[in-house]
Protein backbone atom coordinates (compact mmCIF):
# COMPACT_ATOMS: atom_id res chain seq x y z
CA MET A 1 78.66 101.24 35.72
CA GLU A 2 78.47 98.37 37.94
CA TYR A 3 76.10 95.05 38.14
CA VAL A 4 76.54 94.12 41.91
CA GLN A 5 73.54 92.50 43.57
CA GLU A 6 72.83 93.21 47.16
CA ARG A 7 70.65 90.83 49.54
CA VAL A 8 67.55 92.23 48.02
CA ALA A 9 67.26 92.04 44.21
CA THR A 10 68.93 94.92 42.68
CA LEU A 11 67.66 96.09 39.11
CA HIS A 12 70.29 98.21 37.26
CA ALA A 13 69.32 100.94 34.68
CA PHE A 14 71.83 99.77 32.01
CA SER A 15 69.79 101.67 29.46
CA ASP A 16 67.22 104.14 29.14
CA ARG A 17 64.70 101.64 28.26
CA VAL A 18 61.08 101.59 29.83
CA PRO A 19 60.30 98.19 30.84
CA ASP A 20 56.79 96.65 30.76
CA ALA A 21 54.69 97.25 33.81
CA PRO A 22 51.17 97.13 35.06
CA THR A 23 50.51 100.68 35.18
CA GLU A 24 46.75 100.01 34.30
CA SER A 25 46.50 98.08 37.50
CA ALA A 26 48.50 100.84 39.85
CA ALA A 27 47.33 103.63 41.95
CA VAL A 28 50.13 106.56 42.25
CA VAL A 29 50.25 108.66 45.56
CA VAL A 30 52.00 111.80 45.35
CA PRO A 31 52.12 114.04 48.53
CA LEU A 32 52.11 117.66 47.76
CA THR A 33 52.09 120.88 49.94
CA GLU A 34 51.05 124.17 49.03
CA ARG A 35 55.01 125.42 48.59
CA GLU A 36 55.44 122.58 45.93
CA HIS A 37 52.26 123.54 44.07
CA ALA A 38 53.07 125.54 40.37
CA SER A 39 56.80 124.48 40.99
CA LEU A 40 58.75 123.29 37.99
CA ALA A 41 59.42 120.25 39.56
CA ALA A 42 55.66 119.66 40.44
CA GLU A 43 54.49 120.42 37.17
CA ARG A 44 57.16 118.12 35.42
CA VAL A 45 55.90 115.13 37.62
CA LEU A 46 52.32 115.63 36.92
CA THR A 47 52.54 116.35 32.97
CA THR A 48 54.81 113.37 32.80
CA LEU A 49 52.16 111.04 34.74
CA GLU A 50 49.85 111.82 32.05
CA ARG A 51 51.99 109.85 29.63
CA VAL A 52 52.30 106.98 32.29
CA ASP A 53 48.47 106.81 32.44
CA PRO A 54 48.19 105.01 35.68
CA ALA A 55 44.88 103.60 36.86
CA ARG A 56 44.70 106.41 39.32
CA VAL A 57 46.72 109.13 40.52
CA ILE A 58 45.76 110.47 44.24
CA VAL A 59 47.63 113.73 45.38
CA ALA A 60 47.72 113.84 49.08
CA LEU A 61 47.64 117.59 49.66
CA ARG A 62 48.40 119.61 52.75
CA ALA A 63 47.57 123.21 52.17
CA SER A 64 45.95 126.09 54.38
CA GLU A 65 42.42 126.95 54.07
CA ASP A 66 43.33 130.36 52.23
CA HIS A 67 45.10 128.39 49.80
CA VAL A 68 43.62 125.18 49.04
CA ALA A 69 41.41 126.51 46.08
CA THR A 70 44.27 128.08 44.09
CA VAL A 71 46.00 124.65 44.50
CA THR A 72 43.30 122.54 43.20
CA ARG A 73 42.76 124.81 40.35
CA TRP A 74 46.16 124.46 39.31
CA LEU A 75 45.75 120.52 39.62
CA ASP A 76 42.48 120.65 37.66
CA SER A 77 44.71 122.28 34.76
CA PHE A 78 46.49 118.76 34.16
CA GLU A 79 44.71 116.41 31.74
CA LEU A 80 45.64 113.92 34.19
CA ALA A 81 42.71 114.78 36.83
CA PRO A 82 43.91 113.61 39.76
CA ASP A 83 42.00 112.74 42.69
CA VAL A 84 42.61 115.29 45.60
CA LEU A 85 42.69 114.54 49.26
CA TRP A 86 42.94 117.41 51.24
CA CYS A 87 44.83 115.69 54.30
CA ASN A 88 44.59 118.68 56.68
CA ALA A 89 41.04 119.62 55.90
CA PRO A 90 39.05 120.33 59.50
CA GLU A 91 36.72 117.98 58.46
CA VAL A 92 39.52 115.10 57.82
CA ARG A 93 41.20 116.04 61.26
CA GLU A 94 37.37 115.70 63.18
CA ARG A 95 37.01 112.27 61.32
CA LEU A 96 40.47 111.18 62.59
CA GLY A 97 39.63 112.53 66.12
CA GLU A 98 36.60 110.27 66.17
CA VAL A 99 38.47 107.08 66.11
CA GLY A 100 41.37 108.57 68.19
CA LEU A 101 44.10 109.14 65.28
CA ASN A 102 44.12 112.99 65.11
CA GLY A 103 47.58 113.24 66.36
CA PRO A 104 50.95 115.11 64.94
CA ALA A 105 50.63 115.68 61.15
CA GLY A 106 53.16 115.59 58.28
CA LYS A 107 54.18 113.95 55.15
CA GLY A 108 53.74 110.35 56.57
CA ARG A 109 50.38 111.06 57.73
CA ASP A 110 49.73 112.30 54.43
CA VAL A 111 50.82 109.36 52.40
CA TRP A 112 49.03 107.05 54.99
CA LEU A 113 45.58 108.74 54.44
CA ALA A 114 46.14 108.30 50.65
CA LEU A 115 47.37 104.65 50.97
CA GLY A 116 43.78 103.73 52.30
CA LEU A 117 42.28 104.68 48.92
CA ALA A 118 45.19 103.54 46.70
CA ALA A 119 45.00 99.77 47.97
CA GLN A 120 41.82 99.45 46.13
CA GLU A 121 44.02 98.71 43.18
CA GLU A 122 46.30 95.90 42.92
CA TYR A 123 49.53 97.86 43.10
CA VAL A 124 50.37 101.27 44.95
CA VAL A 125 53.38 103.68 43.80
CA VAL A 126 54.55 106.44 46.08
CA HIS A 127 56.99 109.27 45.13
CA ASP A 128 57.46 112.45 45.65
CA ALA A 129 56.99 115.73 43.65
CA ASP A 130 59.84 117.67 43.81
CA ALA A 131 62.15 115.72 41.25
CA THR A 132 63.36 118.16 38.69
CA THR A 133 64.62 115.00 36.77
CA TYR A 134 61.46 112.90 37.19
CA SER A 135 61.11 110.23 34.09
CA ARG A 136 58.25 108.55 32.71
CA ALA A 137 60.17 105.54 33.37
CA HIS A 138 60.20 105.97 37.18
CA VAL A 139 56.59 104.23 37.63
CA PRO A 140 57.30 101.37 35.27
CA ARG A 141 60.62 100.74 36.83
CA LEU A 142 59.20 100.57 40.35
CA LEU A 143 56.25 98.45 39.39
CA PHE A 144 58.38 95.94 37.26
CA PRO A 145 59.24 93.68 40.22
CA LEU A 146 56.00 93.43 41.55
CA ALA A 147 55.00 91.85 38.08
CA GLU A 148 57.63 89.43 38.50
CA GLY A 149 56.32 88.19 42.08
CA TYR A 150 58.11 90.67 44.45
CA ASP A 151 56.01 92.43 47.04
CA PHE A 152 57.95 95.64 47.49
CA SER A 153 60.14 97.87 45.46
CA LYS A 154 62.35 100.62 46.29
CA GLY A 155 63.83 103.28 44.33
CA TYR A 156 67.43 104.56 44.50
CA TYR A 157 69.82 107.08 42.52
CA ALA A 158 72.76 109.22 42.67
CA ARG A 159 72.57 112.31 44.30
CA VAL A 160 75.02 114.40 42.47
CA GLU A 161 74.61 118.05 40.95
CA ASN A 162 76.04 121.47 40.57
CA ASP A 163 79.47 119.70 40.90
CA ARG A 164 78.61 118.50 44.54
CA LEU A 165 77.49 115.37 46.34
CA TYR A 166 74.05 115.67 48.05
CA GLY A 167 72.03 113.48 50.06
CA ARG A 168 73.69 114.44 53.22
CA LEU A 169 71.15 112.81 55.65
CA PHE A 170 71.49 109.42 54.01
CA ARG A 171 75.36 109.96 53.61
CA LEU A 172 76.24 111.24 56.83
CA PHE A 173 73.61 109.94 59.02
CA TYR A 174 71.83 106.86 57.90
CA THR A 175 74.48 104.88 56.50
CA PRO A 176 77.17 105.32 59.13
CA LEU A 177 74.37 104.81 61.85
CA VAL A 178 73.56 101.49 60.25
CA ARG A 179 77.07 100.39 60.16
CA ALA A 180 77.41 101.19 63.36
CA LEU A 181 74.52 99.02 64.42
CA ASP A 182 75.83 96.15 62.37
CA GLU A 183 79.13 96.27 64.44
CA GLY A 184 77.18 95.56 67.90
CA HIS A 185 74.12 93.57 66.38
CA GLU A 186 74.33 90.41 64.03
CA ASP A 187 70.72 90.70 63.24
CA ASP A 188 68.67 90.24 59.83
CA VAL A 189 66.75 93.42 60.17
CA VAL A 190 69.99 95.46 60.43
CA ASP A 191 71.35 93.61 57.08
CA TYR A 192 68.14 94.37 55.63
CA LEU A 193 68.30 98.00 56.27
CA ALA A 194 71.63 98.09 54.99
CA SER A 195 70.86 96.35 51.76
CA PHE A 196 69.08 99.58 50.34
CA ARG A 197 71.29 101.72 48.14
CA TYR A 198 69.02 105.08 49.04
CA ALA A 199 67.08 104.04 52.19
CA LEU A 200 65.68 107.54 52.24
CA ALA A 201 64.48 107.96 49.08
CA GLY A 202 60.67 108.84 48.91
CA GLU A 203 60.13 106.56 45.66
CA PHE A 204 58.26 103.07 46.46
CA ALA A 205 55.71 100.48 45.09
CA ALA A 206 54.27 97.50 46.84
CA THR A 207 51.26 95.26 46.46
CA SER A 208 47.91 96.43 47.78
CA GLU A 209 48.31 93.62 50.52
CA LEU A 210 51.50 94.77 51.65
CA VAL A 211 50.21 98.50 51.58
CA ARG A 212 47.38 97.54 54.00
CA SER A 213 50.10 96.27 56.31
CA LEU A 214 51.87 99.28 56.61
CA ARG A 215 52.20 101.39 59.70
CA ALA A 216 52.93 104.95 58.97
CA GLN A 217 55.38 107.29 60.56
CA ARG A 218 53.64 110.75 60.67
CA GLY A 219 56.66 112.61 59.39
CA TRP A 220 60.03 112.42 57.88
CA GLY A 221 60.56 108.91 59.57
CA LEU A 222 57.88 107.33 56.85
CA GLU A 223 60.45 105.99 54.66
CA ILE A 224 62.59 103.92 57.29
CA GLY A 225 59.01 102.86 58.76
CA THR A 226 58.00 101.55 55.66
CA LEU A 227 61.35 99.39 55.29
CA GLY A 228 60.72 98.09 58.77
CA ASP A 229 57.33 97.02 57.78
CA ALA A 230 58.50 95.62 54.54
CA PHE A 231 61.18 93.52 56.27
CA GLU A 232 58.16 91.92 58.27
CA GLY A 233 55.79 91.52 55.31
CA ALA A 234 58.40 90.95 52.21
CA GLY A 235 61.81 90.05 53.83
CA PHE A 236 64.75 89.69 51.57
CA ASP A 237 63.36 87.51 48.85
CA GLY A 238 60.13 89.62 48.41
CA SER A 239 62.02 93.03 48.49
CA ALA A 240 63.86 94.79 45.26
CA GLN A 241 65.44 97.96 44.44
CA VAL A 242 65.32 99.64 41.28
CA ASP A 243 67.99 102.28 39.77
CA LEU A 244 65.98 105.74 39.04
CA GLY A 245 69.32 107.23 37.65
CA GLN A 246 70.35 110.47 38.87
CA HIS A 247 68.10 112.62 40.84
CA GLU A 248 67.88 116.28 41.26
CA HIS A 249 65.64 118.11 43.90
CA ASP A 250 65.03 120.80 46.45
CA HIS A 251 67.82 120.96 49.17
CA ARG A 252 67.40 121.82 52.78
CA ALA A 253 69.37 123.60 55.22
CA VAL A 254 70.79 121.76 58.24
CA GLY A 255 69.18 124.10 60.91
CA GLY A 256 65.95 125.53 61.23
CA PRO A 257 62.36 124.21 61.48
CA GLN A 258 61.93 121.51 58.67
CA GLY A 259 65.96 121.58 58.23
CA LEU A 260 67.82 118.29 58.06
CA GLY A 261 68.38 118.53 61.90
CA ASP A 262 64.62 118.09 62.56
CA MET A 263 64.55 115.38 59.99
CA CYS A 264 67.50 113.56 61.26
CA SER A 265 65.53 113.09 64.48
CA GLU A 266 62.44 111.71 62.95
CA VAL A 267 64.67 109.43 60.96
CA ALA A 268 66.57 108.21 64.12
CA THR A 269 63.23 107.63 65.98
CA ALA A 270 61.94 105.48 63.06
CA LEU A 271 65.11 103.49 62.56
CA PHE A 272 65.39 102.77 66.40
CA GLN A 273 61.70 101.89 66.54
CA VAL A 274 62.42 99.31 63.81
CA VAL A 275 65.51 97.91 65.51
CA GLU A 276 63.78 97.73 69.08
CA ASP A 277 60.43 96.04 67.50
CA ALA A 278 62.97 93.33 66.22
CA GLY A 279 64.13 92.88 69.83
CA LEU A 280 67.52 94.56 69.86
CA GLN A 281 68.61 96.82 72.61
CA PRO A 282 71.13 99.25 71.38
CA ALA A 283 73.61 100.71 74.09
CA TYR A 284 72.91 104.40 72.84
CA ASP A 285 75.77 106.15 74.48
CA ARG A 286 78.31 103.39 72.73
CA LEU A 287 76.62 103.36 69.41
CA ARG A 288 76.99 107.28 69.11
CA GLU A 289 80.60 107.07 69.42
CA ARG A 290 80.47 104.10 66.84
CA TYR A 291 78.57 106.16 64.55
CA ARG A 292 80.82 109.15 64.78
CA ALA A 293 83.91 106.89 63.95
CA GLU A 294 81.77 105.43 60.91
CA ALA A 295 80.78 108.90 59.82
CA ASP A 296 84.22 110.12 60.01
CA ARG A 297 85.52 107.28 57.96
CA LEU A 298 82.80 108.10 55.45
CA VAL A 299 83.39 111.51 55.13
CA ARG A 300 87.16 110.55 53.99
CA GLN A 301 85.93 108.05 51.58
CA TYR A 302 83.62 110.99 50.03
CA GLU A 303 86.36 113.56 50.06
CA THR A 304 88.43 111.07 48.04
CA ASP A 305 85.61 110.41 45.50
CA ALA A 306 84.71 113.78 44.98
CA ALA A 307 88.51 114.55 44.32
CA PHE A 308 88.42 111.79 41.99
CA ASN A 309 85.38 113.05 39.81
CA GLY A 310 86.58 116.85 40.26
CA LEU A 311 83.75 117.70 42.65
CA GLU A 312 83.59 120.55 45.37
CA PHE A 313 83.70 118.94 48.71
CA ASP A 314 83.71 120.78 52.20
CA ALA A 315 84.91 118.09 54.71
CA ALA A 316 85.03 120.23 57.59
CA GLY A 317 81.34 121.22 56.78
CA GLU A 318 80.52 117.60 56.67
CA ARG A 319 82.10 116.64 60.07
CA GLU A 320 80.12 119.68 61.47
CA GLN A 321 76.92 118.08 60.07
CA VAL A 322 77.93 114.72 61.71
CA GLU A 323 78.25 116.43 65.27
CA THR A 324 74.72 117.75 64.66
CA TYR A 325 73.20 114.50 63.53
CA ALA A 326 74.94 112.82 66.50
CA ASP A 327 72.49 114.44 69.14
CA ALA A 328 69.67 112.27 67.53
CA VAL A 329 71.46 108.84 68.60
CA GLN A 330 69.29 108.44 71.54
CA PRO A 331 66.13 106.13 72.60
CA PRO A 332 63.23 106.56 70.36
CA ALA A 333 60.67 109.18 71.06
CA GLU A 334 57.09 108.42 71.97
CA ASP A 335 55.41 105.91 69.40
CA THR A 336 53.11 107.73 67.18
CA ARG A 337 52.74 105.68 64.17
CA LEU A 338 49.49 105.03 62.62
CA PRO A 339 48.26 101.66 62.35
CA ALA A 340 48.03 99.28 59.35
CA TRP A 341 45.01 100.10 57.53
CA ARG A 342 43.94 96.24 57.98
CA ASP A 343 44.07 96.91 61.57
CA THR A 344 41.77 100.02 61.75
CA ASP A 345 38.02 100.40 61.98
CA LEU A 346 38.47 103.74 59.76
CA ASP A 347 36.73 103.44 56.28
CA PRO A 348 39.14 105.01 53.68
CA ALA A 349 35.89 106.20 51.67
CA ALA A 350 35.19 108.20 55.25
CA VAL A 351 38.12 109.96 54.70
CA ARG A 352 37.53 110.84 50.92
CA ASP A 353 34.13 112.22 52.14
CA ALA A 354 35.71 114.28 54.72
CA SER A 355 38.37 115.51 52.42
CA ASP A 356 35.43 116.40 49.57
CA GLU A 357 33.31 117.96 52.21
CA GLY A 358 35.99 120.45 52.88
CA LEU A 359 36.70 120.98 49.17
CA ASP A 360 33.18 121.95 48.64
CA ARG A 361 33.01 124.15 51.58
CA THR A 362 35.80 126.20 50.34
CA GLY A 363 34.80 126.26 46.81
CA SER A 364 37.78 124.11 45.95
CA ARG A 365 36.10 121.84 43.41
């Protein structure tokens, strides 16, 4: 156990205490896919939220037309009675198309759609539905800094299970890449990105004012893009991170569609857009070599840490992953970010109405 502070306020879980927090003034956004529905993890999350009793729970649902009714019936079985936003309904896509926003879809776009509605409450919490270790303390812990005058709060946790270290994309890509950036660029935005102990965590909370200022990456770059906008809107003094204990959830293969390799490319795009927005111009070829050196150093450190704790560790396999991830160190792809809700003419109520149309059409409510 430690009590080290970073440049952002770091709140440690020294006990199992559930802090007093304004849950009654908060909307909780939970992105969910049809693949995750009825899983033990999602069931635990939704059942636990019944005990947290926030002002509102919005499920940002991505499901096929053939399965949406099945998923919504399952959601209706909870006392929680969440608001369901069918994010990929044809009616929603049509409404987005009318305002020129019907581009690529993914987790980030789903969350962004829900944030427009969630920002009607004073505070907003976002977290995933795949944690088998989800606790009723998570939402209050994320909200606590906001009640203390902070604008943005990010969760962090340990990824250790089955006698192995997980969190590979964060350990082997994000952390060494940010360290490599820091070697070549003395800039507050890089220091900010380096201050978060688990920057790829899907758990965060923010004031509704900050939420309305967030531009969203459409896919897996959501978390890093959010940090970039939080740097602009909250900065070091307005940001905090909170200990959510040890997390266990789904693991992904490195290769294949939706694997860590694909996720890595989207995370890299989001990260480089953040630093280029701040005026930095990385020399990508040199950065790639610095990244490899930093990653190799970290693999050795994690190997030692694993041995110290009697954990299994495949150093050769981790170095192979580093080589896969190194391909993503290149200028960012096309900027397809969604605009901040405060900067768009799209009415969140129009999105909700389009979703309801789709749900009614398919007999899903």
